[in-house]
Amino acid sequence: MTVRVVSSIVSALLVVAALAGAHPPPKTVLREIVRLQGARRPDGDAPAGRMTLRAQGVEHPFAATARQAYALMENENEEAPRVAERYTLQGPRELLNQFATARPNQTVTILAEHRPGSTDLFLLALDLCPPR
């Protein structure tokens, strides 16, 4: 190889290395875990706000008493996730049916996975108190 070819290759490698180091790595949230607690009712106390949760094709008013979102992130400087006002519940029919038939006096606790940019909550666990 000639000196000119070797110097061109070295120059190209240096330019690529400089461009790669010029930008910080992209901030990406891998997934979020959302915890909601409240009651499936249109009225009453909702200290954490009113929400709409869609299950089995029907929109259900939800009076939230607690709303938290936790993210597993690659970048520690990423902004904390926020809980939206509307979600569509996805998951096993048994859990969706438990939510859809919960009485207004039952406290509903939902633990779900959320993918950023989506309005779907994938149910991991659902608890009703009192159970019956």
C-alpha atoms as a PDB file:
ATOM      1  CA  MET A   1       0.000   0.000   0.000  1.00  0.00           C
ATOM      2  CA  THR A   2       1.148   3.463  -0.672  1.00  0.00           C
ATOM      3  CA  VAL A   3       1.533   6.113   1.947  1.00  0.00           C
ATOM      4  CA  ARG A   4      -1.307   8.062   0.375  1.00  0.00           C
ATOM      5  CA  VAL A   5      -3.789   5.121   0.708  1.00  0.00           C
ATOM      6  CA  VAL A   6      -2.750   4.405   4.302  1.00  0.00           C
ATOM      7  CA  SER A   7      -3.081   8.063   5.290  1.00  0.00           C
ATOM      8  CA  SER A   8      -6.550   8.225   3.657  1.00  0.00           C
ATOM      9  CA  ILE A   9      -7.706   5.167   5.617  1.00  0.00           C
ATOM     10  CA  VAL A  10      -6.329   6.556   8.870  1.00  0.00           C
ATOM     11  CA  SER A  11      -7.982   9.929   8.197  1.00  0.00           C
ATOM     12  CA  ALA A  12     -11.336   8.262   7.481  1.00  0.00           C
ATOM     13  CA  LEU A  13     -11.116   6.227  10.704  1.00  0.00           C
ATOM     14  CA  LEU A  14     -10.307   9.358  12.714  1.00  0.00           C
ATOM     15  CA  VAL A  15     -13.309  11.205  11.239  1.00  0.00           C
ATOM     16  CA  VAL A  16     -15.648   8.298  12.050  1.00  0.00           C
ATOM     17  CA  ALA A  17     -14.278   8.073  15.604  1.00  0.00           C
ATOM     18  CA  ALA A  18     -14.709  11.836  16.108  1.00  0.00           C
ATOM     19  CA  LEU A  19     -18.301  11.768  14.849  1.00  0.00           C
ATOM     20  CA  ALA A  20     -19.183   8.806  17.068  1.00  0.00           C
ATOM     21  CA  GLY A  21     -17.818  10.555  20.145  1.00  0.00           C
ATOM     22  CA  ALA A  22     -19.513  13.884  19.350  1.00  0.00           C
ATOM     23  CA  HIS A  23     -23.014  12.741  20.327  1.00  0.00           C
ATOM     24  CA  PRO A  24     -24.072  11.376  23.697  1.00  0.00           C
ATOM     25  CA  PRO A  25     -25.766   7.988  23.636  1.00  0.00           C
ATOM     26  CA  PRO A  26     -29.528   8.195  23.094  1.00  0.00           C
ATOM     27  CA  LYS A  27     -31.738   8.153  26.165  1.00  0.00           C
ATOM     28  CA  THR A  28     -33.996   5.138  26.048  1.00  0.00           C
ATOM     29  CA  VAL A  29     -36.493   3.795  28.535  1.00  0.00           C
ATOM     30  CA  LEU A  30     -36.658   0.046  28.285  1.00  0.00           C
ATOM     31  CA  ARG A  31     -40.022  -0.318  30.038  1.00  0.00           C
ATOM     32  CA  GLU A  32     -42.073   1.171  32.826  1.00  0.00           C
ATOM     33  CA  ILE A  33     -43.906  -0.454  35.694  1.00  0.00           C
ATOM     34  CA  VAL A  34     -47.139   1.349  36.607  1.00  0.00           C
ATOM     35  CA  ARG A  35     -49.003   0.952  39.904  1.00  0.00           C
ATOM     36  CA  LEU A  36     -52.536   2.299  40.165  1.00  0.00           C
ATOM     37  CA  GLN A  37     -54.811   2.176  43.170  1.00  0.00           C
ATOM     38  CA  GLY A  38     -58.340   3.447  43.483  1.00  0.00           C
ATOM     39  CA  ALA A  39     -61.923   2.504  42.712  1.00  0.00           C
ATOM     40  CA  ARG A  40     -63.875   1.919  39.539  1.00  0.00           C
ATOM     41  CA  ARG A  41     -66.400   4.708  39.958  1.00  0.00           C
ATOM     42  CA  PRO A  42     -67.207   8.098  38.418  1.00  0.00           C
ATOM     43  CA  ASP A  43     -67.649   9.982  41.704  1.00  0.00           C
ATOM     44  CA  GLY A  44     -66.117  10.140  45.161  1.00  0.00           C
ATOM     45  CA  ASP A  45     -62.628  11.027  46.295  1.00  0.00           C
ATOM     46  CA  ALA A  46     -59.817  10.821  43.758  1.00  0.00           C
ATOM     47  CA  PRO A  47     -56.772  12.376  45.473  1.00  0.00           C
ATOM     48  CA  ALA A  48     -54.461  11.214  42.665  1.00  0.00           C
ATOM     49  CA  GLY A  49     -56.906  12.239  39.929  1.00  0.00           C
ATOM     50  CA  ARG A  50     -59.584  10.827  37.707  1.00  0.00           C
ATOM     51  CA  MET A  51     -58.643   8.385  34.990  1.00  0.00           C
ATOM     52  CA  THR A  52     -60.298   6.349  32.262  1.00  0.00           C
ATOM     53  CA  LEU A  53     -59.303   2.697  31.976  1.00  0.00           C
ATOM     54  CA  ARG A  54     -60.564   0.729  28.984  1.00  0.00           C
ATOM     55  CA  ALA A  55     -61.087  -2.999  29.533  1.00  0.00           C
ATOM     56  CA  GLN A  56     -62.869  -5.508  27.318  1.00  0.00           C
ATOM     57  CA  GLY A  57     -63.899  -2.736  24.910  1.00  0.00           C
ATOM     58  CA  VAL A  58     -65.614  -0.615  27.585  1.00  0.00           C
ATOM     59  CA  GLU A  59     -64.339   2.610  29.151  1.00  0.00           C
ATOM     60  CA  HIS A  60     -64.455   2.603  32.961  1.00  0.00           C
ATOM     61  CA  PRO A  61     -64.096   5.718  35.125  1.00  0.00           C
ATOM     62  CA  PHE A  62     -61.378   5.242  37.737  1.00  0.00           C
ATOM     63  CA  ALA A  63     -60.983   7.406  40.836  1.00  0.00           C
ATOM     64  CA  ALA A  64     -57.274   7.057  41.613  1.00  0.00           C
ATOM     65  CA  THR A  65     -55.963   7.319  45.164  1.00  0.00           C
ATOM     66  CA  ALA A  66     -52.368   6.471  44.141  1.00  0.00           C
ATOM     67  CA  ARG A  67     -50.554   6.591  40.784  1.00  0.00           C
ATOM     68  CA  GLN A  68     -46.903   5.676  40.426  1.00  0.00           C
ATOM     69  CA  ALA A  69     -44.672   4.844  37.477  1.00  0.00           C
ATOM     70  CA  TYR A  70     -41.199   3.366  37.726  1.00  0.00           C
ATOM     71  CA  ALA A  71     -38.814   3.114  34.781  1.00  0.00           C
ATOM     72  CA  LEU A  72     -35.920   0.809  34.076  1.00  0.00           C
ATOM     73  CA  MET A  73     -33.587   3.069  32.110  1.00  0.00           C
ATOM     74  CA  GLU A  74     -30.241   2.908  30.391  1.00  0.00           C
ATOM     75  CA  ASN A  75     -29.491   6.548  31.185  1.00  0.00           C
ATOM     76  CA  GLU A  76     -29.739   7.718  34.794  1.00  0.00           C
ATOM     77  CA  ASN A  77     -30.316  11.334  33.709  1.00  0.00           C
ATOM     78  CA  GLU A  78     -33.596  10.442  32.004  1.00  0.00           C
ATOM     79  CA  GLU A  79     -36.732  12.205  33.241  1.00  0.00           C
ATOM     80  CA  ALA A  80     -39.006  10.128  35.478  1.00  0.00           C
ATOM     81  CA  PRO A  81     -42.045   8.617  33.732  1.00  0.00           C
ATOM     82  CA  ARG A  82     -45.493  10.093  34.199  1.00  0.00           C
ATOM     83  CA  VAL A  83     -48.821   8.326  34.557  1.00  0.00           C
ATOM     84  CA  ALA A  84     -51.312   9.217  31.807  1.00  0.00           C
ATOM     85  CA  GLU A  85     -55.035   9.918  32.240  1.00  0.00           C
ATOM     86  CA  ARG A  86     -56.208   7.145  29.868  1.00  0.00           C
ATOM     87  CA  TYR A  87     -55.031   3.584  29.345  1.00  0.00           C
ATOM     88  CA  THR A  88     -56.268   0.414  27.691  1.00  0.00           C
ATOM     89  CA  LEU A  89     -55.830  -2.621  29.918  1.00  0.00           C
ATOM     90  CA  GLN A  90     -54.393  -5.721  28.232  1.00  0.00           C
ATOM     91  CA  GLY A  91     -53.896  -9.122  29.799  1.00  0.00           C
ATOM     92  CA  PRO A  92     -55.536 -12.401  30.764  1.00  0.00           C
ATOM     93  CA  ARG A  93     -59.330 -12.361  30.422  1.00  0.00           C
ATOM     94  CA  GLU A  94     -59.670 -13.416  34.056  1.00  0.00           C
ATOM     95  CA  LEU A  95     -57.883 -10.257  35.285  1.00  0.00           C
ATOM     96  CA  LEU A  96     -59.717  -8.002  32.827  1.00  0.00           C
ATOM     97  CA  ASN A  97     -63.033  -9.472  33.974  1.00  0.00           C
ATOM     98  CA  GLN A  98     -62.128  -8.942  37.644  1.00  0.00           C
ATOM     99  CA  PHE A  99     -61.457  -5.278  36.906  1.00  0.00           C
ATOM    100  CA  ALA A 100     -64.579  -4.806  34.767  1.00  0.00           C
ATOM    101  CA  THR A 101     -66.845  -6.324  37.441  1.00  0.00           C
ATOM    102  CA  ALA A 102     -65.259  -4.634  40.489  1.00  0.00           C
ATOM    103  CA  ARG A 103     -67.810  -2.904  42.680  1.00  0.00           C
ATOM    104  CA  PRO A 104     -67.510   0.841  43.446  1.00  0.00           C
ATOM    105  CA  ASN A 105     -66.753   0.057  47.128  1.00  0.00           C
ATOM    106  CA  GLN A 106     -63.788  -2.217  46.275  1.00  0.00           C
ATOM    107  CA  THR A 107     -60.256  -0.843  46.233  1.00  0.00           C
ATOM    108  CA  VAL A 108     -58.566  -1.905  43.009  1.00  0.00           C
ATOM    109  CA  THR A 109     -54.765  -2.171  42.887  1.00  0.00           C
ATOM    110  CA  ILE A 110     -53.182  -2.666  39.470  1.00  0.00           C
ATOM    111  CA  LEU A 111     -49.581  -3.520  38.718  1.00  0.00           C
ATOM    112  CA  ALA A 112     -48.812  -3.336  35.009  1.00  0.00           C
ATOM    113  CA  GLU A 113     -46.039  -3.010  32.454  1.00  0.00           C
ATOM    114  CA  HIS A 114     -46.116  -0.041  30.117  1.00  0.00           C
ATOM    115  CA  ARG A 115     -44.080   0.514  26.981  1.00  0.00           C
ATOM    116  CA  PRO A 116     -43.253   4.206  26.455  1.00  0.00           C
ATOM    117  CA  GLY A 117     -45.272   5.799  23.675  1.00  0.00           C
ATOM    118  CA  SER A 118     -48.147   3.341  24.083  1.00  0.00           C
ATOM    119  CA  THR A 119     -51.516   3.713  25.800  1.00  0.00           C
ATOM    120  CA  ASP A 120     -51.630   0.012  26.705  1.00  0.00           C
ATOM    121  CA  LEU A 121     -51.070  -1.330  30.213  1.00  0.00           C
ATOM    122  CA  PHE A 122     -50.166  -5.020  30.305  1.00  0.00           C
ATOM    123  CA  LEU A 123     -51.564  -6.378  33.578  1.00  0.00           C
ATOM    124  CA  LEU A 124     -49.102  -8.194  35.795  1.00  0.00           C
ATOM    125  CA  ALA A 125     -51.305  -8.337  38.907  1.00  0.00           C
ATOM    126  CA  LEU A 126     -54.700  -7.100  40.027  1.00  0.00           C
ATOM    127  CA  ASP A 127     -55.962  -7.065  43.618  1.00  0.00           C
ATOM    128  CA  LEU A 128     -59.462  -6.287  44.888  1.00  0.00           C
ATOM    129  CA  CYS A 129     -60.082  -5.353  48.510  1.00  0.00           C
ATOM    130  CA  PRO A 130     -62.386  -6.609  49.934  1.00  0.00           C
ATOM    131  CA  PRO A 131     -62.012  -9.639  47.674  1.00  0.00           C
ATOM    132  CA  ARG A 132     -65.778 -10.250  47.322  1.00  0.00           C
END
